[in-house]
C-alpha atoms as a PDB file:
ATOM      1  CA  MET A   1    -222.893  41.135   1.953  1.00  0.00           C
ATOM      2  CA  ASP A   2    -224.129  42.035  -1.525  1.00  0.00           C
ATOM      3  CA  THR A   3    -227.419  40.628  -2.701  1.00  0.00           C
ATOM      4  CA  VAL A   4    -227.873  39.551  -6.292  1.00  0.00           C
ATOM      5  CA  THR A   5    -231.065  40.550  -8.047  1.00  0.00           C
ATOM      6  CA  VAL A   6    -232.402  37.782 -10.292  1.00  0.00           C
ATOM      7  CA  GLY A   7    -235.573  36.609 -12.012  1.00  0.00           C
ATOM      8  CA  SER A   8    -238.667  38.767 -12.152  1.00  0.00           C
ATOM      9  CA  GLU A   9    -237.153  41.140  -9.596  1.00  0.00           C
ATOM     10  CA  LEU A  10    -234.306  41.826 -12.039  1.00  0.00           C
ATOM     11  CA  THR A  11    -236.788  42.528 -14.840  1.00  0.00           C
ATOM     12  CA  ARG A  12    -238.673  45.014 -12.636  1.00  0.00           C
ATOM     13  CA  SER A  13    -235.392  46.668 -11.696  1.00  0.00           C
ATOM     14  CA  MET A  14    -234.297  46.920 -15.334  1.00  0.00           C
ATOM     15  CA  LEU A  15    -237.601  48.542 -16.314  1.00  0.00           C
ATOM     16  CA  GLU A  16    -237.255  51.037 -13.443  1.00  0.00           C
ATOM     17  CA  GLU A  17    -233.742  51.879 -14.666  1.00  0.00           C
ATOM     18  CA  GLY A  18    -235.073  52.741 -18.110  1.00  0.00           C
ATOM     19  CA  TYR A  19    -234.634  49.573 -20.140  1.00  0.00           C
ATOM     20  CA  GLN A  20    -237.471  49.637 -22.649  1.00  0.00           C
ATOM     21  CA  SER A  21    -237.551  46.139 -24.095  1.00  0.00           C
ATOM     22  CA  ILE A  22    -236.320  43.021 -22.280  1.00  0.00           C
ATOM     23  CA  TRP A  23    -236.432  39.480 -23.698  1.00  0.00           C
ATOM     24  CA  CYS A  24    -237.836  37.229 -20.982  1.00  0.00           C
ATOM     25  CA  ALA A  25    -238.979  33.705 -20.302  1.00  0.00           C
ATOM     26  CA  VAL A  26    -242.529  34.193 -19.016  1.00  0.00           C
ATOM     27  CA  SER A  27    -245.028  32.292 -16.889  1.00  0.00           C
ATOM     28  CA  ASP A  28    -248.055  32.825 -14.696  1.00  0.00           C
ATOM     29  CA  GLU A  29    -246.810  30.241 -12.155  1.00  0.00           C
ATOM     30  CA  SER A  30    -243.272  31.137 -11.012  1.00  0.00           C
ATOM     31  CA  ASP A  31    -239.797  32.229 -12.099  1.00  0.00           C
ATOM     32  CA  GLU A  32    -238.706  28.598 -11.997  1.00  0.00           C
ATOM     33  CA  ASN A  33    -241.591  27.559 -14.236  1.00  0.00           C
ATOM     34  CA  ALA A  34    -240.711  30.299 -16.727  1.00  0.00           C
ATOM     35  CA  ILE A  35    -237.208  28.895 -17.125  1.00  0.00           C
ATOM     36  CA  GLU A  36    -238.339  25.253 -17.131  1.00  0.00           C
ATOM     37  CA  ASP A  37    -240.776  26.029 -19.952  1.00  0.00           C
ATOM     38  CA  GLN A  38    -237.800  26.783 -22.207  1.00  0.00           C
ATOM     39  CA  VAL A  39    -237.221  23.056 -22.629  1.00  0.00           C
ATOM     40  CA  GLY A  40    -239.520  22.077 -25.480  1.00  0.00           C
ATOM     41  CA  ASN A  41    -241.438  25.336 -25.319  1.00  0.00           C
ATOM     42  CA  ASP A  42    -241.043  28.879 -26.508  1.00  0.00           C
ATOM     43  CA  PHE A  43    -242.734  31.013 -23.892  1.00  0.00           C
ATOM     44  CA  THR A  44    -240.656  34.114 -24.426  1.00  0.00           C
ATOM     45  CA  SER A  45    -241.806  37.693 -24.732  1.00  0.00           C
ATOM     46  CA  ARG A  46    -240.310  41.124 -25.101  1.00  0.00           C
ATOM     47  CA  ILE A  47    -241.347  42.811 -21.837  1.00  0.00           C
ATOM     48  CA  VAL A  48    -241.967  46.552 -22.033  1.00  0.00           C
ATOM     49  CA  ALA A  49    -243.816  47.434 -18.808  1.00  0.00           C
ATOM     50  CA  PHE A  50    -244.670  46.421 -15.243  1.00  0.00           C
ATOM     51  CA  GLU A  51    -248.036  47.745 -14.062  1.00  0.00           C
ATOM     52  CA  ASP A  52    -250.526  46.652 -11.404  1.00  0.00           C
ATOM     53  CA  GLY A  53    -248.350  43.687 -10.411  1.00  0.00           C
ATOM     54  CA  GLN A  54    -248.005  42.277 -13.924  1.00  0.00           C
ATOM     55  CA  PHE A  55    -245.463  42.388 -16.725  1.00  0.00           C
ATOM     56  CA  TYR A  56    -246.668  43.390 -20.176  1.00  0.00           C
ATOM     57  CA  CYS A  57    -245.171  42.320 -23.487  1.00  0.00           C
ATOM     58  CA  THR A  58    -245.211  44.158 -26.804  1.00  0.00           C
ATOM     59  CA  GLY A  59    -248.423  42.293 -27.711  1.00  0.00           C
ATOM     60  CA  GLY A  60    -250.175  43.626 -24.590  1.00  0.00           C
ATOM     61  CA  MET A  61    -250.415  40.253 -22.812  1.00  0.00           C
ATOM     62  CA  PRO A  62    -249.963  40.292 -19.035  1.00  0.00           C
ATOM     63  CA  TRP A  63    -247.619  37.867 -17.266  1.00  0.00           C
ATOM     64  CA  LYS A  64    -247.039  37.353 -13.531  1.00  0.00           C
ATOM     65  CA  TYR A  65    -243.388  36.304 -13.931  1.00  0.00           C
ATOM     66  CA  ALA A  66    -240.757  37.426 -16.433  1.00  0.00           C
ATOM     67  CA  VAL A  67    -237.151  36.198 -16.181  1.00  0.00           C
ATOM     68  CA  PRO A  68    -234.605  38.024 -18.380  1.00  0.00           C
ATOM     69  CA  ILE A  69    -232.879  35.785 -20.895  1.00  0.00           C
ATOM     70  CA  GLU A  70    -230.280  36.293 -23.589  1.00  0.00           C
ATOM     71  CA  ILE A  71    -231.017  35.321 -27.163  1.00  0.00           C
ATOM     72  CA  VAL A  72    -227.954  34.977 -29.347  1.00  0.00           C
ATOM     73  CA  ALA A  73    -227.758  33.790 -32.930  1.00  0.00           C
ATOM     74  CA  LEU A  74    -225.556  30.724 -33.277  1.00  0.00           C
ATOM     75  CA  THR A  75    -222.767  30.390 -35.786  1.00  0.00           C
ATOM     76  CA  ARG A  76    -221.152  27.263 -37.208  1.00  0.00           C
ATOM     77  CA  TYR A  77    -218.295  27.842 -34.729  1.00  0.00           C
ATOM     78  CA  ASP A  78    -220.688  27.117 -31.859  1.00  0.00           C
ATOM     79  CA  PHE A  79    -220.786  23.477 -32.964  1.00  0.00           C
ATOM     80  CA  SER A  80    -218.102  20.888 -33.520  1.00  0.00           C
ATOM     81  CA  PHE A  81    -218.607  18.791 -36.636  1.00  0.00           C
END
């Protein structure tokens, strides 16, 4: 059975594989909290490192949890008028 890597574990794995900048939903509570905070909040950071048990963003702030997300610009075709 294959296991699927998700959440902060996926971010750590991506950094180990050489990804240098990963957009993530971040939190100091849990992966679930990081994603929940996206409703009415904008706790996202570009994660560039994982050191001493913490993720670090381009601004140097540490985070305990970082869940990779995809940010895509919308076009008018994404909406029905």
